[in-house]
Amino acid sequence: MSFSDDEIERYARHLVLAEVGGPGQQRLKAARVGLVGMGGVGGPAALYLAAAGVGTLRLIDDDAVGLSNLQRQIAFATADVGRSKVEAGAEALGALNPHVRIEPAAERLGPDNAARLIQGCDVVLDGTDDFAARFAVNAACVAAGIPLVSGALGRWSGQVGVFTGRPCYRCLVADGPPDAETCARVGVVGALAGVVGSMAALEAIKLITGAGEPLTGRLLIYDGLAGAARTVTVGADPGCPTCSPG
């Protein structure tokens, strides 16, 4: 897979990295990443993945841009209010990097369509704040053998984890809490979305290129107020309904 002169200059800072180089950049160009949710996590992640030269980005979201989104969802502009998030996102990503193919899917991911929506992806990045969608995409990724990068945030803290088979996301969260906190309910500082979205994009890039050590089976928890982070290991739940061999 060759690069044009424009691509060589565009990705110059990747090409000189020992952990990426030409082979890693070729893997990025050949990859397809599915982004479930183009909100606070998915938007920044999509921008960095497009800038990095991921060949195909599949945007999965059935929502429209709202004015309150603009405080943290930096893929959108004021003129996008009312537009489909995947359409507005596709336009922004195409403007950033015309070498990236965008596959917009204006659908709400659930158990009935998750397998179809992530089919053909090399990595899936989930940035939704809905536990039903998180469980559905996790189950589909486990069934298809696709690595899942999960990002979540609220108030002043966020987390990023990588799940490749077992343990899976359902081992971390067995059931969705009935009073789950969402950004709409409890608020979120806008810049935190950029932190978590960027970390999620970085994990996807590491998975694709083989660089470093991804957060596989681990969860990075970031406390924005304290300016501190810690990483914990996720144990495999022997009774997990999604990945348990029994």
Foldseek 3Di string as FASTA:
>chain_A
DDDDPVVCVLQVVQQPDPLQHPLLLVLQLPAEEEEQDQALQNQLLLQVSLSSNRAEYEYEEQDADAPVRVQANVLADPVRHPPQSLVSNVVSSCVNHVNHHYHYDNHHDAQVCLLVSCPPHQEYEYEDQDVRNVVNNQLNCLVVQHKYWYKYDEAQKIKIAIEGQPPTVCLVPVDDDPPRDDCVRHNYRRVVSNVRNNLSSVLVSCSSSVGDDHRYQKMWMAGRVVRDIDIDGRHGDCPRPRRHPD
